[in-house]
Amino acid sequence: MAFVEVRPSPWRQAVDLANMMLCLALRSSPELVYQRAMRQFTVEETTEGFAAAHGLALPSQLRRMLREQGRDVHGQFLQLLPQRPRPVQIQRWSARRIGLLLVVPLAVLLVPTGRVVMFNHDPNTTRLQIFNLDCADLEPLWLQAQAVPSASLVPCVELLPGWAVAGANARNGQSAFTLDHDRAGKAAMVVRLTPTCDPAGATQMPSQRPGVRHYEQTERRADQFTATWYDQFPGGCVTSRLDSTSDVDGKFATDAPLVLGFATRQALQDALAQRSNGRLHLDPAAG
C-alpha cells in the first residue's frame, strides 16, 4: 500500500485500480487479470486507470519488481484495451497551485509544530511526538526493542504524581525518553537504553529486579543536583540521569527510580505475534 486517503480523488482511485492489476499480473498474467477485472469494472474505468498509472504514479517497489521480471506488463495491459489511452498528467500546474507551494513552506517555518518536525535538534524528542510510554502501551515499547535488539528488557514509565513524559526517540542502537517534573523542572530526567554502559564511579546497590545489576551515583553542587542510575541486564543497559537546578537537595531523587518500569523482550514478542496472528516478529539479537 503506497498511499492512503480517507476520501480518494477519482485520479487516486484510477491509479489504485491499475496498480492492483499490475501487482496481480506479476504472479499470473495480464490476460487473466484483465478478464477478472472486467467482472467488476467497465472498460472505461480500466482504461482510465492505465491512462493515469505511469511514471511516479507507480509505487517504487512495483516499478522495481516490473524491471526484475523483464517483461513489459504495463504494455501488455495497454494492448488488451480496446483503445490505447492518452496518458493523464500527474501534475496540472495553475496559479493557485503555485501560490500554495510558496505559502506552505512559510507556514511550516512559522508553526511551532513544524519546527519540531522539520528541525528536530532535541535528540530526546521523537519526530513522531510520542508522549506515552506506559508499560501497557506496546507500540513505543516495540520501537525501543527494535532500536536495541540485544536488550532482554525494555524500559517503560510507571508515572507518579508530578511526572510527565516530555518526548521519546528510538533509533538504531539507542532509544531515549525525557521526563518532566512539576517541581524538579523541565527535562528533569533522561532515560537511555543502549546495548552496554560503563557505570565506572557508581556504587552497586541492591536491585529490586531479578537479573538486573543496579548502580547509583550522585553529585551535589551549589546550584545543581545530579543523580545517575545504571541498570545492567543481558544484552542491554538503561542509564537514568536526573538533573535539577530547582531541587539542589535532591528531594525527588528517591521517587525518580520508581517511575521506571521494565517489559521483557519475550513478553513484547509474544504480544506482537498475537496481535499480528504470527506474521510479525521483533528483530533477532544478531540484527
C-alpha atoms as a PDB file:
ATOM      1  CA  MET A   1       0.000   0.000   0.000  1.00  0.00           C
ATOM      2  CA  ALA A   2       1.689   3.173  -1.183  1.00  0.00           C
ATOM      3  CA  PHE A   3      -0.851   5.857  -0.269  1.00  0.00           C
ATOM      4  CA  VAL A   4      -3.885   6.202   1.952  1.00  0.00           C
ATOM      5  CA  GLU A   5      -6.699   8.727   1.521  1.00  0.00           C
ATOM      6  CA  VAL A   6      -9.890   8.975   3.541  1.00  0.00           C
ATOM      7  CA  ARG A   7     -11.707  10.423   0.538  1.00  0.00           C
ATOM      8  CA  PRO A   8      -9.691   9.361  -2.517  1.00  0.00           C
ATOM      9  CA  SER A   9      -9.958  11.507  -5.606  1.00  0.00           C
ATOM     10  CA  PRO A  10     -11.081   9.984  -8.929  1.00  0.00           C
ATOM     11  CA  TRP A  11      -7.444  10.101 -10.081  1.00  0.00           C
ATOM     12  CA  ARG A  12      -6.337   8.224  -6.943  1.00  0.00           C
ATOM     13  CA  GLN A  13      -8.986   5.554  -7.468  1.00  0.00           C
ATOM     14  CA  ALA A  14      -7.990   5.122 -11.100  1.00  0.00           C
ATOM     15  CA  VAL A  15      -4.298   4.785 -10.225  1.00  0.00           C
ATOM     16  CA  ASP A  16      -5.060   2.263  -7.469  1.00  0.00           C
ATOM     17  CA  LEU A  17      -7.066   0.100  -9.871  1.00  0.00           C
ATOM     18  CA  ALA A  18      -4.223  -0.060 -12.407  1.00  0.00           C
ATOM     19  CA  ASN A  19      -1.595  -0.653  -9.720  1.00  0.00           C
ATOM     20  CA  MET A  20      -3.612  -3.531  -8.252  1.00  0.00           C
ATOM     21  CA  MET A  21      -3.939  -5.108 -11.676  1.00  0.00           C
ATOM     22  CA  LEU A  22      -0.201  -4.750 -12.282  1.00  0.00           C
ATOM     23  CA  CYS A  23       0.607  -6.345  -8.916  1.00  0.00           C
ATOM     24  CA  LEU A  24      -1.678  -9.304  -9.617  1.00  0.00           C
ATOM     25  CA  ALA A  25      -0.173  -9.760 -13.081  1.00  0.00           C
ATOM     26  CA  LEU A  26       3.293 -10.158 -11.576  1.00  0.00           C
ATOM     27  CA  ARG A  27       2.237 -13.586 -10.281  1.00  0.00           C
ATOM     28  CA  SER A  28      -0.147 -14.555 -13.064  1.00  0.00           C
ATOM     29  CA  SER A  29      -0.718 -12.950 -16.481  1.00  0.00           C
ATOM     30  CA  PRO A  30      -2.176  -9.670 -17.765  1.00  0.00           C
ATOM     31  CA  GLU A  31      -4.769 -11.601 -19.762  1.00  0.00           C
ATOM     32  CA  LEU A  32      -6.122 -13.434 -16.687  1.00  0.00           C
ATOM     33  CA  VAL A  33      -6.163 -10.288 -14.544  1.00  0.00           C
ATOM     34  CA  TYR A  34      -7.894  -8.276 -17.295  1.00  0.00           C
ATOM     35  CA  GLN A  35     -10.603 -10.919 -17.697  1.00  0.00           C
ATOM     36  CA  ARG A  36     -11.288 -10.982 -13.960  1.00  0.00           C
ATOM     37  CA  ALA A  37     -11.243  -7.166 -13.759  1.00  0.00           C
ATOM     38  CA  MET A  38     -13.971  -6.979 -16.393  1.00  0.00           C
ATOM     39  CA  ARG A  39     -16.323  -8.718 -13.931  1.00  0.00           C
ATOM     40  CA  GLN A  40     -16.084  -5.768 -11.550  1.00  0.00           C
ATOM     41  CA  PHE A  41     -15.100  -2.739 -13.645  1.00  0.00           C
ATOM     42  CA  THR A  42     -16.031  -1.268 -17.005  1.00  0.00           C
ATOM     43  CA  VAL A  43     -13.673  -0.889 -19.952  1.00  0.00           C
ATOM     44  CA  GLU A  44     -13.779   2.893 -19.437  1.00  0.00           C
ATOM     45  CA  GLU A  45     -12.724   2.582 -15.779  1.00  0.00           C
ATOM     46  CA  THR A  46      -9.852   0.236 -16.623  1.00  0.00           C
ATOM     47  CA  THR A  47      -8.717   2.433 -19.495  1.00  0.00           C
ATOM     48  CA  GLU A  48      -8.793   5.479 -17.237  1.00  0.00           C
ATOM     49  CA  GLY A  49      -6.685   3.615 -14.666  1.00  0.00           C
ATOM     50  CA  PHE A  50      -3.892   2.814 -17.108  1.00  0.00           C
ATOM     51  CA  ALA A  51      -4.044   6.325 -18.529  1.00  0.00           C
ATOM     52  CA  ALA A  52      -3.210   7.656 -15.056  1.00  0.00           C
ATOM     53  CA  ALA A  53      -0.829   4.899 -13.867  1.00  0.00           C
ATOM     54  CA  HIS A  54       2.589   5.702 -15.270  1.00  0.00           C
ATOM     55  CA  GLY A  55       5.886   7.091 -14.016  1.00  0.00           C
ATOM     56  CA  LEU A  56       5.816   8.191 -10.379  1.00  0.00           C
ATOM     57  CA  ALA A  57       2.176   7.114 -10.047  1.00  0.00           C
ATOM     58  CA  LEU A  58       3.508   3.549  -9.788  1.00  0.00           C
ATOM     59  CA  PRO A  59       4.996   2.736  -6.337  1.00  0.00           C
ATOM     60  CA  SER A  60       8.777   2.327  -6.414  1.00  0.00           C
ATOM     61  CA  GLN A  61       8.562  -1.292  -5.203  1.00  0.00           C
ATOM     62  CA  LEU A  62       6.183  -2.139  -8.044  1.00  0.00           C
ATOM     63  CA  ARG A  63       8.459  -0.449 -10.597  1.00  0.00           C
ATOM     64  CA  ARG A  64      11.413  -2.437  -9.256  1.00  0.00           C
ATOM     65  CA  MET A  65       9.551  -5.754  -9.452  1.00  0.00           C
ATOM     66  CA  LEU A  66       8.433  -4.989 -13.010  1.00  0.00           C
ATOM     67  CA  ARG A  67      12.051  -4.350 -14.005  1.00  0.00           C
ATOM     68  CA  GLU A  68      13.220  -7.556 -12.306  1.00  0.00           C
ATOM     69  CA  GLN A  69      10.708  -9.655 -14.268  1.00  0.00           C
ATOM     70  CA  GLY A  70      11.993  -8.198 -17.523  1.00  0.00           C
ATOM     71  CA  ARG A  71       8.595  -8.089 -19.235  1.00  0.00           C
ATOM     72  CA  ASP A  72       6.505  -5.088 -20.152  1.00  0.00           C
ATOM     73  CA  VAL A  73       3.424  -5.926 -18.079  1.00  0.00           C
ATOM     74  CA  HIS A  74       2.119  -2.364 -18.387  1.00  0.00           C
ATOM     75  CA  GLY A  75       2.460  -2.515 -22.166  1.00  0.00           C
ATOM     76  CA  GLN A  76       0.686  -5.876 -22.318  1.00  0.00           C
ATOM     77  CA  PHE A  77      -2.300  -4.394 -20.490  1.00  0.00           C
ATOM     78  CA  LEU A  78      -2.391  -1.485 -22.939  1.00  0.00           C
ATOM     79  CA  GLN A  79      -2.575  -3.951 -25.826  1.00  0.00           C
ATOM     80  CA  LEU A  80      -5.573  -5.658 -24.213  1.00  0.00           C
ATOM     81  CA  LEU A  81      -7.543  -2.401 -24.042  1.00  0.00           C
ATOM     82  CA  PRO A  82      -9.874  -1.685 -26.974  1.00  0.00           C
ATOM     83  CA  GLN A  83      -8.257   1.725 -27.407  1.00  0.00           C
ATOM     84  CA  ARG A  84      -4.816   2.853 -26.257  1.00  0.00           C
ATOM     85  CA  PRO A  85      -5.355   5.643 -23.677  1.00  0.00           C
ATOM     86  CA  ARG A  86      -3.696   9.024 -23.713  1.00  0.00           C
ATOM     87  CA  PRO A  87      -1.531   9.426 -20.562  1.00  0.00           C
ATOM     88  CA  VAL A  88      -3.048  11.580 -17.834  1.00  0.00           C
ATOM     89  CA  GLN A  89      -0.586  14.079 -16.375  1.00  0.00           C
ATOM     90  CA  ILE A  90       0.265  13.634 -12.707  1.00  0.00           C
ATOM     91  CA  GLN A  91       0.672  17.366 -12.098  1.00  0.00           C
ATOM     92  CA  ARG A  92      -1.514  20.090 -13.558  1.00  0.00           C
ATOM     93  CA  TRP A  93       0.001  23.483 -12.841  1.00  0.00           C
ATOM     94  CA  SER A  94      -2.110  26.525 -12.117  1.00  0.00           C
ATOM     95  CA  ALA A  95      -1.685  29.889 -10.433  1.00  0.00           C
ATOM     96  CA  ARG A  96      -3.486  28.529  -7.357  1.00  0.00           C
ATOM     97  CA  ARG A  97      -1.154  25.530  -7.047  1.00  0.00           C
ATOM     98  CA  ILE A  98       1.975  27.675  -7.458  1.00  0.00           C
ATOM     99  CA  GLY A  99       0.696  30.054  -4.781  1.00  0.00           C
ATOM    100  CA  LEU A 100       0.084  27.174  -2.357  1.00  0.00           C
ATOM    101  CA  LEU A 101       3.581  25.810  -2.963  1.00  0.00           C
ATOM    102  CA  LEU A 102       5.009  29.181  -1.955  1.00  0.00           C
ATOM    103  CA  VAL A 103       2.798  29.540   1.126  1.00  0.00           C
ATOM    104  CA  VAL A 104       3.214  26.048   2.650  1.00  0.00           C
ATOM    105  CA  PRO A 105       6.998  26.277   3.409  1.00  0.00           C
ATOM    106  CA  LEU A 106       6.446  29.621   5.134  1.00  0.00           C
ATOM    107  CA  ALA A 107       3.618  28.162   7.211  1.00  0.00           C
ATOM    108  CA  VAL A 108       5.807  25.223   8.263  1.00  0.00           C
ATOM    109  CA  LEU A 109       8.539  27.587   9.435  1.00  0.00           C
ATOM    110  CA  LEU A 110       6.105  29.733  11.420  1.00  0.00           C
ATOM    111  CA  VAL A 111       4.119  26.993  13.171  1.00  0.00           C
ATOM    112  CA  PRO A 112       5.881  25.638  16.327  1.00  0.00           C
ATOM    113  CA  THR A 113       4.938  22.047  15.493  1.00  0.00           C
ATOM    114  CA  GLY A 114       6.552  22.487  12.104  1.00  0.00           C
ATOM    115  CA  ARG A 115       9.804  23.469  13.755  1.00  0.00           C
ATOM    116  CA  VAL A 116       9.768  20.296  15.848  1.00  0.00           C
ATOM    117  CA  VAL A 117       9.085  18.084  12.838  1.00  0.00           C
ATOM    118  CA  MET A 118      11.386  19.767  10.314  1.00  0.00           C
ATOM    119  CA  PHE A 119      14.182  20.918  12.623  1.00  0.00           C
ATOM    120  CA  ASN A 120      14.477  18.340  15.383  1.00  0.00           C
ATOM    121  CA  HIS A 121      17.564  19.408  17.326  1.00  0.00           C
ATOM    122  CA  ASP A 122      16.447  17.717  20.572  1.00  0.00           C
ATOM    123  CA  PRO A 123      17.628  14.092  20.443  1.00  0.00           C
ATOM    124  CA  ASN A 124      15.105  13.122  23.121  1.00  0.00           C
ATOM    125  CA  THR A 125      12.043  14.377  21.256  1.00  0.00           C
ATOM    126  CA  THR A 126      10.844  11.983  18.617  1.00  0.00           C
ATOM    127  CA  ARG A 127       9.539  13.310  15.328  1.00  0.00           C
ATOM    128  CA  LEU A 128       6.539  11.049  15.890  1.00  0.00           C
ATOM    129  CA  GLN A 129       5.694  13.017  19.050  1.00  0.00           C
ATOM    130  CA  ILE A 130       5.206  10.002  21.321  1.00  0.00           C
ATOM    131  CA  PHE A 131       4.240  11.152  24.799  1.00  0.00           C
ATOM    132  CA  ASN A 132       3.017   7.898  26.287  1.00  0.00           C
ATOM    133  CA  LEU A 133       5.430   5.203  27.431  1.00  0.00           C
ATOM    134  CA  ASP A 134       3.109   3.356  29.754  1.00  0.00           C
ATOM    135  CA  CYS A 135       4.180  -0.230  30.363  1.00  0.00           C
ATOM    136  CA  ALA A 136       0.904  -1.394  28.793  1.00  0.00           C
ATOM    137  CA  ASP A 137       1.288   0.768  25.659  1.00  0.00           C
ATOM    138  CA  LEU A 138       3.020  -1.647  23.304  1.00  0.00           C
ATOM    139  CA  GLU A 139       3.819   0.390  20.179  1.00  0.00           C
ATOM    140  CA  PRO A 140       6.510   2.662  21.739  1.00  0.00           C
ATOM    141  CA  LEU A 141       7.992  -0.340  23.537  1.00  0.00           C
ATOM    142  CA  TRP A 142       8.265  -2.238  20.247  1.00  0.00           C
ATOM    143  CA  LEU A 143      10.144   0.723  18.786  1.00  0.00           C
ATOM    144  CA  GLN A 144      12.629   0.613  21.662  1.00  0.00           C
ATOM    145  CA  ALA A 145      13.009  -3.139  21.325  1.00  0.00           C
ATOM    146  CA  GLN A 146      13.777  -2.727  17.614  1.00  0.00           C
ATOM    147  CA  ALA A 147      16.305   0.022  18.388  1.00  0.00           C
ATOM    148  CA  VAL A 148      18.343  -2.267  20.658  1.00  0.00           C
ATOM    149  CA  PRO A 149      17.623  -5.854  19.527  1.00  0.00           C
ATOM    150  CA  SER A 150      20.060  -7.374  22.035  1.00  0.00           C
ATOM    151  CA  ALA A 151      18.268  -5.962  25.099  1.00  0.00           C
ATOM    152  CA  SER A 152      16.353  -8.565  27.102  1.00  0.00           C
ATOM    153  CA  LEU A 153      14.436  -5.766  28.884  1.00  0.00           C
ATOM    154  CA  VAL A 154      12.882  -2.545  27.601  1.00  0.00           C
ATOM    155  CA  PRO A 155      12.216   0.463  29.875  1.00  0.00           C
ATOM    156  CA  CYS A 156       8.734   1.865  30.290  1.00  0.00           C
ATOM    157  CA  VAL A 157       7.153   4.505  32.519  1.00  0.00           C
ATOM    158  CA  GLU A 158       5.013   3.963  35.593  1.00  0.00           C
ATOM    159  CA  LEU A 159       4.126   7.598  36.186  1.00  0.00           C
ATOM    160  CA  LEU A 160       3.836   9.037  39.657  1.00  0.00           C
ATOM    161  CA  PRO A 161       2.171  12.355  40.572  1.00  0.00           C
ATOM    162  CA  GLY A 162       4.261  15.278  39.304  1.00  0.00           C
ATOM    163  CA  TRP A 163       5.970  13.368  36.471  1.00  0.00           C
ATOM    164  CA  ALA A 164       5.142  13.566  32.759  1.00  0.00           C
ATOM    165  CA  VAL A 165       6.684  12.179  29.579  1.00  0.00           C
ATOM    166  CA  ALA A 166       8.113  15.067  27.544  1.00  0.00           C
ATOM    167  CA  GLY A 167       9.265  13.132  24.484  1.00  0.00           C
ATOM    168  CA  ALA A 168      10.892   9.988  23.172  1.00  0.00           C
ATOM    169  CA  ASN A 169      13.283   8.849  20.489  1.00  0.00           C
ATOM    170  CA  ALA A 170      14.182   5.471  19.045  1.00  0.00           C
ATOM    171  CA  ARG A 171      16.995   4.978  16.565  1.00  0.00           C
ATOM    172  CA  ASN A 172      19.458   2.245  15.635  1.00  0.00           C
ATOM    173  CA  GLY A 173      21.482   1.242  18.694  1.00  0.00           C
ATOM    174  CA  GLN A 174      19.762   3.523  21.196  1.00  0.00           C
ATOM    175  CA  SER A 175      16.421   4.728  22.488  1.00  0.00           C
ATOM    176  CA  ALA A 176      15.744   7.519  24.958  1.00  0.00           C
ATOM    177  CA  PHE A 177      12.927   9.418  26.591  1.00  0.00           C
ATOM    178  CA  THR A 178      12.704  12.570  28.688  1.00  0.00           C
ATOM    179  CA  LEU A 179      10.592  13.131  31.804  1.00  0.00           C
ATOM    180  CA  ASP A 180       9.408  16.460  33.200  1.00  0.00           C
ATOM    181  CA  HIS A 181       8.706  17.091  36.875  1.00  0.00           C
ATOM    182  CA  ASP A 182       6.404  19.831  38.123  1.00  0.00           C
ATOM    183  CA  ARG A 183       8.947  20.936  40.731  1.00  0.00           C
ATOM    184  CA  ALA A 184      12.275  19.397  39.698  1.00  0.00           C
ATOM    185  CA  GLY A 185      11.909  21.127  36.322  1.00  0.00           C
ATOM    186  CA  LYS A 186      11.658  20.506  32.601  1.00  0.00           C
ATOM    187  CA  ALA A 187      13.623  17.532  31.226  1.00  0.00           C
ATOM    188  CA  ALA A 188      14.419  16.608  34.820  1.00  0.00           C
ATOM    189  CA  MET A 189      15.323  13.035  33.908  1.00  0.00           C
ATOM    190  CA  VAL A 190      16.585  11.396  30.715  1.00  0.00           C
ATOM    191  CA  VAL A 191      16.423   7.606  30.351  1.00  0.00           C
ATOM    192  CA  ARG A 192      18.510   5.854  27.687  1.00  0.00           C
ATOM    193  CA  LEU A 193      18.546   2.247  26.546  1.00  0.00           C
ATOM    194  CA  THR A 194      21.817   1.077  24.968  1.00  0.00           C
ATOM    195  CA  PRO A 195      23.458  -2.314  24.396  1.00  0.00           C
ATOM    196  CA  THR A 196      26.164  -1.559  27.006  1.00  0.00           C
ATOM    197  CA  CYS A 197      27.144   1.133  29.504  1.00  0.00           C
ATOM    198  CA  ASP A 198      30.017   1.910  31.858  1.00  0.00           C
ATOM    199  CA  PRO A 199      28.981   2.507  35.489  1.00  0.00           C
ATOM    200  CA  ALA A 200      32.537   3.470  36.484  1.00  0.00           C
ATOM    201  CA  GLY A 201      32.484   5.556  39.650  1.00  0.00           C
ATOM    202  CA  ALA A 202      28.988   4.408  40.616  1.00  0.00           C
ATOM    203  CA  THR A 203      28.186   2.255  43.628  1.00  0.00           C
ATOM    204  CA  GLN A 204      26.422  -1.064  43.185  1.00  0.00           C
ATOM    205  CA  MET A 205      23.195  -1.201  45.165  1.00  0.00           C
ATOM    206  CA  PRO A 206      20.607  -3.932  45.787  1.00  0.00           C
ATOM    207  CA  SER A 207      18.334  -4.443  42.810  1.00  0.00           C
ATOM    208  CA  GLN A 208      14.580  -4.924  43.027  1.00  0.00           C
ATOM    209  CA  ARG A 209      14.517  -6.825  39.717  1.00  0.00           C
ATOM    210  CA  PRO A 210      15.912 -10.338  39.171  1.00  0.00           C
ATOM    211  CA  GLY A 211      18.790 -10.487  36.716  1.00  0.00           C
ATOM    212  CA  VAL A 212      19.436  -6.715  36.886  1.00  0.00           C
ATOM    213  CA  ARG A 213      22.574  -5.160  38.390  1.00  0.00           C
ATOM    214  CA  HIS A 214      21.806  -1.706  39.794  1.00  0.00           C
ATOM    215  CA  TYR A 215      24.337   1.129  40.290  1.00  0.00           C
ATOM    216  CA  GLU A 216      23.887   4.643  41.667  1.00  0.00           C
ATOM    217  CA  GLN A 217      25.935   7.835  41.561  1.00  0.00           C
ATOM    218  CA  THR A 218      25.033  11.298  42.922  1.00  0.00           C
ATOM    219  CA  GLU A 219      26.659  14.713  42.705  1.00  0.00           C
ATOM    220  CA  ARG A 220      25.689  17.818  44.629  1.00  0.00           C
ATOM    221  CA  ARG A 221      26.751  21.336  43.731  1.00  0.00           C
ATOM    222  CA  ALA A 222      25.669  24.725  44.962  1.00  0.00           C
ATOM    223  CA  ASP A 223      23.286  25.261  42.059  1.00  0.00           C
ATOM    224  CA  GLN A 224      22.529  21.765  40.802  1.00  0.00           C
ATOM    225  CA  PHE A 225      21.769  18.205  41.894  1.00  0.00           C
ATOM    226  CA  THR A 226      22.659  15.268  39.648  1.00  0.00           C
ATOM    227  CA  ALA A 227      21.924  11.586  40.127  1.00  0.00           C
ATOM    228  CA  THR A 228      22.645   8.742  37.706  1.00  0.00           C
ATOM    229  CA  TRP A 229      21.332   5.203  37.873  1.00  0.00           C
ATOM    230  CA  TYR A 230      22.585   2.266  35.796  1.00  0.00           C
ATOM    231  CA  ASP A 231      20.549  -0.903  35.347  1.00  0.00           C
ATOM    232  CA  GLN A 232      22.524  -3.624  33.568  1.00  0.00           C
ATOM    233  CA  PHE A 233      20.924  -6.826  32.257  1.00  0.00           C
ATOM    234  CA  PRO A 234      21.651  -9.357  29.498  1.00  0.00           C
ATOM    235  CA  GLY A 235      22.122  -7.538  26.196  1.00  0.00           C
ATOM    236  CA  GLY A 236      21.382  -4.050  27.435  1.00  0.00           C
ATOM    237  CA  CYS A 237      21.705  -1.244  29.940  1.00  0.00           C
ATOM    238  CA  VAL A 238      19.365   1.555  30.994  1.00  0.00           C
ATOM    239  CA  THR A 239      21.013   4.787  32.131  1.00  0.00           C
ATOM    240  CA  SER A 240      18.754   7.221  34.003  1.00  0.00           C
ATOM    241  CA  ARG A 241      20.105  10.695  34.740  1.00  0.00           C
ATOM    242  CA  LEU A 242      18.347  13.246  36.930  1.00  0.00           C
ATOM    243  CA  ASP A 243      19.459  16.887  36.664  1.00  0.00           C
ATOM    244  CA  SER A 244      17.740  19.642  38.605  1.00  0.00           C
ATOM    245  CA  THR A 245      18.621  23.227  39.398  1.00  0.00           C
ATOM    246  CA  SER A 246      15.358  23.846  41.286  1.00  0.00           C
ATOM    247  CA  ASP A 247      15.877  20.854  43.596  1.00  0.00           C
ATOM    248  CA  VAL A 248      19.523  21.177  44.613  1.00  0.00           C
ATOM    249  CA  ASP A 249      18.967  18.968  47.668  1.00  0.00           C
ATOM    250  CA  GLY A 250      17.744  16.017  45.603  1.00  0.00           C
ATOM    251  CA  LYS A 251      14.410  15.643  47.364  1.00  0.00           C
ATOM    252  CA  PHE A 252      12.883  13.931  44.345  1.00  0.00           C
ATOM    253  CA  ALA A 253      15.780  11.546  43.744  1.00  0.00           C
ATOM    254  CA  THR A 254      14.102   8.849  45.800  1.00  0.00           C
ATOM    255  CA  ASP A 255      10.965   8.996  43.622  1.00  0.00           C
ATOM    256  CA  ALA A 256      12.730   9.073  40.269  1.00  0.00           C
ATOM    257  CA  PRO A 257      13.735   5.361  40.081  1.00  0.00           C
ATOM    258  CA  LEU A 258      10.173   4.341  40.988  1.00  0.00           C
ATOM    259  CA  VAL A 259       8.922   5.951  37.768  1.00  0.00           C
ATOM    260  CA  LEU A 260      10.889   3.452  35.697  1.00  0.00           C
ATOM    261  CA  GLY A 261       9.452   0.046  34.841  1.00  0.00           C
ATOM    262  CA  PHE A 262      10.581  -2.764  32.558  1.00  0.00           C
ATOM    263  CA  ALA A 263       8.953  -5.019  29.983  1.00  0.00           C
ATOM    264  CA  THR A 264      10.675  -8.208  28.921  1.00  0.00           C
ATOM    265  CA  ARG A 265      11.552  -8.644  25.269  1.00  0.00           C
ATOM    266  CA  GLN A 266       9.901 -12.054  25.301  1.00  0.00           C
ATOM    267  CA  ALA A 267       6.607 -10.561  26.512  1.00  0.00           C
ATOM    268  CA  LEU A 268       6.773  -7.905  23.800  1.00  0.00           C
ATOM    269  CA  GLN A 269       7.491 -10.556  21.174  1.00  0.00           C
ATOM    270  CA  ASP A 270       4.577 -12.701  22.355  1.00  0.00           C
ATOM    271  CA  ALA A 271       2.222  -9.698  22.256  1.00  0.00           C
ATOM    272  CA  LEU A 272       3.396  -8.756  18.756  1.00  0.00           C
ATOM    273  CA  ALA A 273       2.932 -12.304  17.468  1.00  0.00           C
ATOM    274  CA  GLN A 274      -0.536 -12.498  18.999  1.00  0.00           C
ATOM    275  CA  ARG A 275      -1.666  -9.146  17.600  1.00  0.00           C
ATOM    276  CA  SER A 276      -0.360  -9.959  14.095  1.00  0.00           C
ATOM    277  CA  ASN A 277      -1.537 -13.592  14.128  1.00  0.00           C
ATOM    278  CA  GLY A 278       2.079 -14.750  13.984  1.00  0.00           C
ATOM    279  CA  ARG A 279       3.031 -12.638  10.943  1.00  0.00           C
ATOM    280  CA  LEU A 280       5.307 -10.108  12.685  1.00  0.00           C
ATOM    281  CA  HIS A 281       8.376 -10.668  14.872  1.00  0.00           C
ATOM    282  CA  LEU A 282      10.914  -8.465  16.591  1.00  0.00           C
ATOM    283  CA  ASP A 283      14.380  -8.411  15.065  1.00  0.00           C
ATOM    284  CA  PRO A 284      16.683 -11.102  16.482  1.00  0.00           C
ATOM    285  CA  ALA A 285      19.594 -10.041  18.699  1.00  0.00           C
ATOM    286  CA  ALA A 286      22.047 -10.592  15.852  1.00  0.00           C
ATOM    287  CA  GLY A 287      20.219  -7.941  13.830  1.00  0.00           C
END
